């Protein structure tokens, strides 16, 4: 009983740590992109014409302008996050891969007459190819 509880607690803790790592990675990349955008936007010329004073209103597509820096940083961020989850060589940080190995669990079923039956399910999980071989 205690072994199952400790195993479940360990799995839950490692899942929480993994989520915290992913969240901190997202916050870090977002912060870096914000600082890069702020740095680049300081050197861009500011326009003082009528179009720069417009706010977005319904049906006024001319008020929306493309932000090339934000677009490029968004694409770079997508590739960085992709590299973290696929084990790419271009990214130094990687999240743990999926579970691979043997596990089992036991359950008890009871019918309408009150008879119990105990069964054990054994599961073997194999990966088709190891994550260490995946490269970009």
N, C-alpha and C. Protein backbone atom coordinates (compact mmCIF):
# COMPACT_ATOMS: atom_id res chain seq x y z
N UNK A 1 0.83 -1.19 0.00
CA UNK A 1 0.00 0.00 0.00
C UNK A 1 0.87 1.26 0.00
N UNK A 2 1.87 1.30 0.91
CA UNK A 2 2.73 2.47 0.99
C UNK A 2 3.61 2.60 -0.25
N UNK A 3 4.00 1.47 -0.82
CA UNK A 3 4.82 1.53 -2.03
C UNK A 3 4.04 2.16 -3.18
N UNK A 4 2.76 1.79 -3.30
CA UNK A 4 1.94 2.38 -4.34
C UNK A 4 1.76 3.88 -4.10
N UNK A 5 1.55 4.25 -2.84
CA UNK A 5 1.37 5.66 -2.50
C UNK A 5 2.64 6.45 -2.81
N UNK A 6 3.80 5.90 -2.47
CA UNK A 6 5.06 6.58 -2.75
C UNK A 6 5.32 6.68 -4.25
N UNK A 7 4.99 5.62 -4.98
CA UNK A 7 5.17 5.66 -6.43
C UNK A 7 4.25 6.70 -7.06
N UNK A 8 3.01 6.73 -6.61
CA UNK A 8 2.06 7.72 -7.13
C UNK A 8 2.49 9.13 -6.76
N UNK A 9 2.96 9.32 -5.54
CA UNK A 9 3.43 10.65 -5.12
C UNK A 9 4.65 11.07 -5.93
N UNK A 10 5.53 10.15 -6.19
CA UNK A 10 6.72 10.45 -6.98
C UNK A 10 6.34 10.84 -8.41
N UNK A 11 5.42 10.09 -9.00
CA UNK A 11 4.98 10.41 -10.36
C UNK A 11 4.29 11.78 -10.40
N UNK A 12 3.47 12.06 -9.40
CA UNK A 12 2.77 13.33 -9.35
C UNK A 12 3.76 14.48 -9.18
N UNK A 13 4.75 14.30 -8.33
CA UNK A 13 5.75 15.34 -8.12
C UNK A 13 6.58 15.58 -9.38
N UNK A 14 6.96 14.51 -10.07
CA UNK A 14 7.74 14.69 -11.30
C UNK A 14 6.89 15.35 -12.38
N UNK A 15 5.59 15.07 -12.42
CA UNK A 15 4.71 15.74 -13.36
C UNK A 15 4.61 17.22 -13.04
N UNK A 16 4.47 17.56 -11.77
CA UNK A 16 4.39 18.97 -11.37
C UNK A 16 5.69 19.70 -11.69
N UNK A 17 6.82 19.05 -11.47
CA UNK A 17 8.11 19.68 -11.80
C UNK A 17 8.22 19.89 -13.31
N UNK A 18 7.77 18.91 -14.09
CA UNK A 18 7.80 19.05 -15.54
C UNK A 18 6.93 20.21 -16.02
N UNK A 19 5.75 20.34 -15.43
CA UNK A 19 4.87 21.45 -15.79
C UNK A 19 5.51 22.77 -15.40
N UNK A 20 6.14 22.84 -14.23
CA UNK A 20 6.81 24.07 -13.80
C UNK A 20 7.96 24.42 -14.75
N UNK A 21 8.69 23.43 -15.22
CA UNK A 21 9.78 23.67 -16.16
C UNK A 21 9.24 24.21 -17.48
N UNK A 22 8.18 23.60 -17.98
CA UNK A 22 7.59 24.07 -19.23
C UNK A 22 7.06 25.49 -19.07
N UNK A 23 6.39 25.78 -17.96
CA UNK A 23 5.86 27.12 -17.74
C UNK A 23 6.98 28.14 -17.63
N UNK A 24 8.04 27.80 -16.89
CA UNK A 24 9.15 28.75 -16.75
C UNK A 24 9.86 28.95 -18.10
N UNK A 25 9.94 27.91 -18.91
CA UNK A 25 10.50 28.05 -20.25
C UNK A 25 9.66 29.00 -21.08
N UNK A 26 8.35 28.85 -21.01
CA UNK A 26 7.45 29.74 -21.75
C UNK A 26 7.60 31.18 -21.28
N UNK A 27 7.64 31.40 -19.96
CA UNK A 27 7.79 32.75 -19.42
C UNK A 27 9.14 33.33 -19.82
N UNK A 28 10.19 32.52 -19.78
CA UNK A 28 11.52 32.99 -20.15
C UNK A 28 11.60 33.40 -21.62
N UNK A 29 11.05 32.56 -22.49
CA UNK A 29 11.07 32.89 -23.92
C UNK A 29 10.22 34.13 -24.18
N UNK A 30 9.06 34.22 -23.53
CA UNK A 30 8.21 35.40 -23.71
C UNK A 30 8.91 36.66 -23.22
N UNK A 31 9.59 36.59 -22.09
CA UNK A 31 10.33 37.73 -21.58
C UNK A 31 11.45 38.14 -22.51
N UNK A 32 12.17 37.15 -23.03
CA UNK A 32 13.24 37.45 -23.98
C UNK A 32 12.69 38.11 -25.23
N UNK A 33 11.57 37.60 -25.73
CA UNK A 33 10.96 38.20 -26.92
C UNK A 33 10.50 39.63 -26.64
N UNK A 34 9.96 39.88 -25.46
CA UNK A 34 9.53 41.23 -25.11
C UNK A 34 10.73 42.19 -25.06
N UNK A 35 11.82 41.73 -24.44
CA UNK A 35 13.01 42.58 -24.37
C UNK A 35 13.59 42.82 -25.78
N UNK A 36 13.61 41.79 -26.62
CA UNK A 36 14.13 41.95 -27.98
C UNK A 36 13.25 42.92 -28.77
N UNK A 37 11.94 42.78 -28.62
CA UNK A 37 11.03 43.70 -29.32
C UNK A 37 11.20 45.13 -28.82
N UNK A 38 11.35 45.31 -27.52
CA UNK A 38 11.55 46.65 -26.97
C UNK A 38 12.84 47.26 -27.49
N UNK A 39 13.88 46.46 -27.57
CA UNK A 39 15.17 46.94 -28.07
C UNK A 39 15.07 47.35 -29.54
N UNK A 40 14.45 46.51 -30.35
CA UNK A 40 14.33 46.80 -31.77
C UNK A 40 13.40 47.98 -32.01
N UNK A 41 12.32 48.08 -31.25
CA UNK A 41 11.36 49.16 -31.48
C UNK A 41 11.91 50.53 -31.09
N UNK A 42 12.96 50.59 -30.27
CA UNK A 42 13.57 51.87 -29.93
C UNK A 42 14.24 52.52 -31.14
N UNK A 43 14.73 51.69 -32.04
CA UNK A 43 15.46 52.20 -33.20
C UNK A 43 14.58 52.41 -34.41
N UNK A 44 13.32 52.05 -34.33
CA UNK A 44 12.40 52.25 -35.45
C UNK A 44 11.87 53.67 -35.43
N UNK A 45 11.73 54.27 -36.58
CA UNK A 45 11.20 55.65 -36.60
C UNK A 45 9.73 55.67 -36.20
N UNK A 46 9.36 56.69 -35.43
CA UNK A 46 7.98 56.87 -34.99
C UNK A 46 7.25 57.76 -35.99
N UNK A 47 6.08 57.32 -36.39
CA UNK A 47 5.27 58.10 -37.33
C UNK A 47 4.28 58.95 -36.54
N UNK A 48 4.02 60.15 -37.02
CA UNK A 48 3.07 61.04 -36.36
C UNK A 48 1.94 61.41 -37.31
N UNK A 49 1.59 60.50 -38.22
CA UNK A 49 0.52 60.81 -39.15
C UNK A 49 -0.83 60.32 -38.61
N UNK A 50 -1.87 60.49 -39.41
CA UNK A 50 -3.22 60.13 -38.99
C UNK A 50 -3.36 58.62 -38.77
N UNK A 51 -2.70 57.82 -39.60
CA UNK A 51 -2.83 56.36 -39.49
C UNK A 51 -2.26 55.86 -38.16
N UNK A 52 -1.20 56.46 -37.65
CA UNK A 52 -0.60 56.00 -36.40
C UNK A 52 -1.49 56.30 -35.20
N UNK A 53 -2.43 57.22 -35.33
CA UNK A 53 -3.32 57.57 -34.22
C UNK A 53 -4.62 56.78 -34.24
N UNK A 54 -4.82 55.97 -35.24
CA UNK A 54 -6.07 55.20 -35.34
C UNK A 54 -6.11 54.10 -34.30
N UNK A 55 -7.29 53.80 -33.83
CA UNK A 55 -7.51 52.62 -33.01
C UNK A 55 -8.33 51.64 -33.83
N UNK A 56 -8.28 50.39 -33.47
CA UNK A 56 -8.99 49.38 -34.23
C UNK A 56 -10.48 49.51 -33.96
N UNK A 57 -11.22 49.69 -35.01
CA UNK A 57 -12.68 49.71 -34.90
C UNK A 57 -13.24 48.66 -35.83
N UNK A 58 -14.47 48.31 -35.61
CA UNK A 58 -15.10 47.25 -36.39
C UNK A 58 -15.14 47.64 -37.87
N UNK A 59 -14.59 46.81 -38.71
CA UNK A 59 -14.63 47.02 -40.14
C UNK A 59 -13.54 47.93 -40.68
N UNK A 60 -12.62 48.38 -39.83
CA UNK A 60 -11.56 49.27 -40.30
C UNK A 60 -10.25 48.50 -40.35
N UNK A 61 -10.05 47.77 -41.44
CA UNK A 61 -8.85 46.93 -41.54
C UNK A 61 -7.59 47.75 -41.76
N UNK A 62 -7.71 49.01 -42.13
CA UNK A 62 -6.51 49.82 -42.33
C UNK A 62 -5.87 50.22 -41.01
N UNK A 63 -6.57 50.06 -39.88
CA UNK A 63 -6.01 50.40 -38.59
C UNK A 63 -5.07 49.31 -38.06
N UNK A 64 -5.13 48.12 -38.65
CA UNK A 64 -4.29 47.01 -38.21
C UNK A 64 -3.07 46.95 -39.10
N UNK A 65 -1.89 46.98 -38.48
CA UNK A 65 -0.65 46.89 -39.24
C UNK A 65 0.14 45.68 -38.78
N UNK A 66 0.93 45.14 -39.68
CA UNK A 66 1.74 43.96 -39.38
C UNK A 66 2.93 44.36 -38.51
N UNK A 67 3.30 43.48 -37.61
CA UNK A 67 4.46 43.68 -36.78
C UNK A 67 5.46 42.59 -37.12
N UNK A 68 6.41 42.88 -37.96
CA UNK A 68 7.34 41.88 -38.47
C UNK A 68 8.22 41.28 -37.36
N UNK A 69 8.63 42.10 -36.42
CA UNK A 69 9.49 41.60 -35.34
C UNK A 69 8.74 40.57 -34.51
N UNK A 70 7.50 40.88 -34.16
CA UNK A 70 6.71 39.94 -33.37
C UNK A 70 6.45 38.66 -34.15
N UNK A 71 6.25 38.75 -35.44
CA UNK A 71 6.02 37.56 -36.26
C UNK A 71 7.25 36.66 -36.29
N UNK A 72 8.42 37.24 -36.48
CA UNK A 72 9.66 36.46 -36.51
C UNK A 72 9.93 35.83 -35.15
N UNK A 73 9.74 36.59 -34.07
CA UNK A 73 9.96 36.03 -32.74
C UNK A 73 8.97 34.92 -32.42
N UNK A 74 7.74 35.02 -32.90
CA UNK A 74 6.76 33.96 -32.67
C UNK A 74 7.18 32.67 -33.37
N UNK A 75 7.68 32.77 -34.59
CA UNK A 75 8.14 31.58 -35.31
C UNK A 75 9.36 30.97 -34.62
N UNK A 76 10.28 31.79 -34.17
CA UNK A 76 11.46 31.28 -33.44
C UNK A 76 11.03 30.59 -32.16
N UNK A 77 10.07 31.16 -31.45
CA UNK A 77 9.58 30.56 -30.21
C UNK A 77 8.95 29.20 -30.47
N UNK A 78 8.18 29.09 -31.53
CA UNK A 78 7.55 27.81 -31.87
C UNK A 78 8.62 26.76 -32.13
N UNK A 79 9.67 27.11 -32.87
CA UNK A 79 10.73 26.15 -33.15
C UNK A 79 11.52 25.78 -31.88
N UNK A 80 11.73 26.74 -30.98
CA UNK A 80 12.43 26.42 -29.74
C UNK A 80 11.63 25.46 -28.88
N UNK A 81 10.34 25.72 -28.74
CA UNK A 81 9.49 24.82 -27.93
C UNK A 81 9.41 23.45 -28.60
N UNK A 82 9.33 23.41 -29.92
CA UNK A 82 9.33 22.14 -30.63
C UNK A 82 10.62 21.38 -30.36
N UNK A 83 11.75 22.08 -30.36
CA UNK A 83 13.04 21.44 -30.10
C UNK A 83 13.15 20.90 -28.69
N UNK A 84 12.55 21.58 -27.73
CA UNK A 84 12.58 21.12 -26.34
C UNK A 84 11.83 19.80 -26.20
N UNK A 85 10.70 19.66 -26.87
CA UNK A 85 9.89 18.46 -26.72
C UNK A 85 10.32 17.30 -27.59
N UNK A 86 11.09 17.55 -28.65
CA UNK A 86 11.50 16.46 -29.53
C UNK A 86 12.92 16.00 -29.28
N UNK A 87 13.64 16.64 -28.38
CA UNK A 87 15.00 16.23 -28.11
C UNK A 87 15.98 16.69 -29.17
N UNK A 88 15.72 17.80 -29.81
CA UNK A 88 16.56 18.31 -30.88
C UNK A 88 17.94 18.72 -30.34
N UNK A 89 18.93 18.63 -31.20
CA UNK A 89 20.29 19.00 -30.81
C UNK A 89 20.49 20.52 -30.78
N UNK A 90 19.60 21.28 -31.41
CA UNK A 90 19.77 22.73 -31.46
C UNK A 90 19.34 23.42 -30.17
N UNK A 91 18.68 22.69 -29.27
CA UNK A 91 18.20 23.26 -28.01
C UNK A 91 18.87 22.50 -26.87
N UNK A 92 19.52 23.20 -25.92
CA UNK A 92 20.23 22.49 -24.85
C UNK A 92 19.31 21.89 -23.78
N UNK A 93 18.10 22.41 -23.62
CA UNK A 93 17.18 21.95 -22.59
C UNK A 93 16.15 21.01 -23.19
N UNK A 94 15.92 19.86 -22.54
CA UNK A 94 14.93 18.90 -23.03
C UNK A 94 14.04 18.45 -21.87
N UNK A 95 12.77 18.23 -22.16
CA UNK A 95 11.86 17.69 -21.16
C UNK A 95 11.98 16.17 -21.19
N UNK A 96 11.62 15.50 -20.09
CA UNK A 96 11.69 14.03 -20.10
C UNK A 96 10.78 13.44 -21.16
N UNK A 97 11.18 12.32 -21.70
CA UNK A 97 10.40 11.66 -22.72
C UNK A 97 9.22 10.92 -22.13
N UNK A 98 8.44 10.28 -22.97
CA UNK A 98 7.28 9.54 -22.48
C UNK A 98 7.70 8.30 -21.71
N UNK A 99 6.76 7.75 -20.96
CA UNK A 99 7.03 6.54 -20.17
C UNK A 99 7.36 5.38 -21.09
N UNK A 100 8.35 4.62 -20.69
CA UNK A 100 8.72 3.42 -21.41
C UNK A 100 9.14 2.38 -20.38
N UNK A 101 8.56 1.19 -20.46
CA UNK A 101 8.92 0.14 -19.51
C UNK A 101 7.72 -0.73 -19.15
N UNK A 102 7.83 -1.40 -18.01
CA UNK A 102 6.79 -2.31 -17.54
C UNK A 102 6.11 -1.73 -16.30
N UNK A 103 4.82 -1.93 -16.22
CA UNK A 103 4.07 -1.53 -15.03
C UNK A 103 2.87 -2.46 -14.89
N UNK A 104 2.25 -2.43 -13.75
CA UNK A 104 1.06 -3.26 -13.53
C UNK A 104 0.20 -2.62 -12.45
N UNK A 105 -1.06 -3.00 -12.45
CA UNK A 105 -1.96 -2.56 -11.39
C UNK A 105 -2.97 -3.66 -11.12
N UNK A 106 -3.52 -3.65 -9.93
CA UNK A 106 -4.47 -4.66 -9.49
C UNK A 106 -5.81 -3.99 -9.21
N UNK A 107 -6.89 -4.65 -9.60
CA UNK A 107 -8.21 -4.12 -9.29
C UNK A 107 -9.12 -5.25 -8.83
N UNK A 108 -10.15 -4.88 -8.11
CA UNK A 108 -11.12 -5.83 -7.59
C UNK A 108 -12.50 -5.47 -8.13
N UNK A 109 -13.20 -6.47 -8.66
CA UNK A 109 -14.56 -6.27 -9.17
C UNK A 109 -15.53 -7.06 -8.31
N UNK A 110 -16.72 -6.52 -8.11
CA UNK A 110 -17.74 -7.19 -7.30
C UNK A 110 -19.02 -7.25 -8.11
N UNK A 111 -19.63 -8.45 -8.17
CA UNK A 111 -20.88 -8.59 -8.92
C UNK A 111 -22.08 -8.36 -8.00
N UNK A 112 -23.29 -8.55 -8.53
CA UNK A 112 -24.52 -8.28 -7.77
C UNK A 112 -24.69 -9.24 -6.60
N UNK A 113 -24.11 -10.45 -6.67
CA UNK A 113 -24.22 -11.43 -5.58
C UNK A 113 -23.20 -11.18 -4.47
N UNK A 114 -22.34 -10.20 -4.63
CA UNK A 114 -21.34 -9.89 -3.62
C UNK A 114 -20.06 -10.68 -3.75
N UNK A 115 -19.89 -11.39 -4.86
CA UNK A 115 -18.66 -12.16 -5.09
C UNK A 115 -17.59 -11.23 -5.65
N UNK A 116 -16.39 -11.39 -5.13
CA UNK A 116 -15.27 -10.56 -5.56
C UNK A 116 -14.34 -11.34 -6.49
N UNK A 117 -13.74 -10.61 -7.41
CA UNK A 117 -12.73 -11.17 -8.28
C UNK A 117 -11.59 -10.16 -8.37
N UNK A 118 -10.38 -10.66 -8.17
CA UNK A 118 -9.21 -9.79 -8.21
C UNK A 118 -8.43 -10.10 -9.49
N UNK A 119 -8.01 -9.05 -10.17
CA UNK A 119 -7.24 -9.22 -11.41
C UNK A 119 -6.05 -8.27 -11.40
N UNK A 120 -4.99 -8.71 -12.04
CA UNK A 120 -3.80 -7.88 -12.19
C UNK A 120 -3.58 -7.63 -13.67
N UNK A 121 -3.38 -6.39 -14.02
CA UNK A 121 -3.14 -6.01 -15.42
C UNK A 121 -1.66 -5.65 -15.53
N UNK A 122 -0.97 -6.29 -16.45
CA UNK A 122 0.43 -6.00 -16.72
C UNK A 122 0.52 -5.25 -18.04
N UNK A 123 1.27 -4.15 -18.05
CA UNK A 123 1.40 -3.32 -19.24
C UNK A 123 2.88 -3.16 -19.57
N UNK A 124 3.20 -3.38 -20.84
CA UNK A 124 4.56 -3.17 -21.31
C UNK A 124 4.51 -2.10 -22.40
N UNK A 125 5.20 -1.00 -22.17
CA UNK A 125 5.20 0.12 -23.11
C UNK A 125 6.57 0.17 -23.78
N UNK A 126 6.57 0.09 -25.11
CA UNK A 126 7.81 0.17 -25.87
C UNK A 126 7.71 1.35 -26.82
N UNK A 127 8.83 2.06 -26.95
CA UNK A 127 8.89 3.15 -27.92
C UNK A 127 9.34 2.58 -29.25
N UNK A 128 8.82 3.13 -30.33
CA UNK A 128 9.24 2.65 -31.65
C UNK A 128 10.68 3.02 -31.93
N UNK A 129 11.08 4.20 -31.46
CA UNK A 129 12.48 4.61 -31.60
C UNK A 129 12.82 5.52 -30.43
N UNK A 130 14.01 5.42 -29.90
CA UNK A 130 14.38 6.25 -28.74
C UNK A 130 14.46 7.73 -29.10
N UNK A 131 14.18 8.58 -28.13
CA UNK A 131 14.22 10.02 -28.35
C UNK A 131 15.64 10.51 -28.65
N UNK A 132 16.65 9.80 -28.15
CA UNK A 132 18.02 10.25 -28.35
C UNK A 132 18.43 10.18 -29.82
N UNK A 133 17.72 9.41 -30.63
CA UNK A 133 18.06 9.31 -32.04
C UNK A 133 17.38 10.37 -32.87
N UNK A 134 16.38 11.02 -32.33
CA UNK A 134 15.67 12.05 -33.09
C UNK A 134 16.54 13.30 -33.12
N UNK A 135 16.84 13.77 -34.30
CA UNK A 135 17.66 14.96 -34.41
C UNK A 135 17.16 15.80 -35.57
N UNK A 136 17.55 17.08 -35.53
CA UNK A 136 17.14 17.97 -36.62
C UNK A 136 18.36 18.46 -37.35
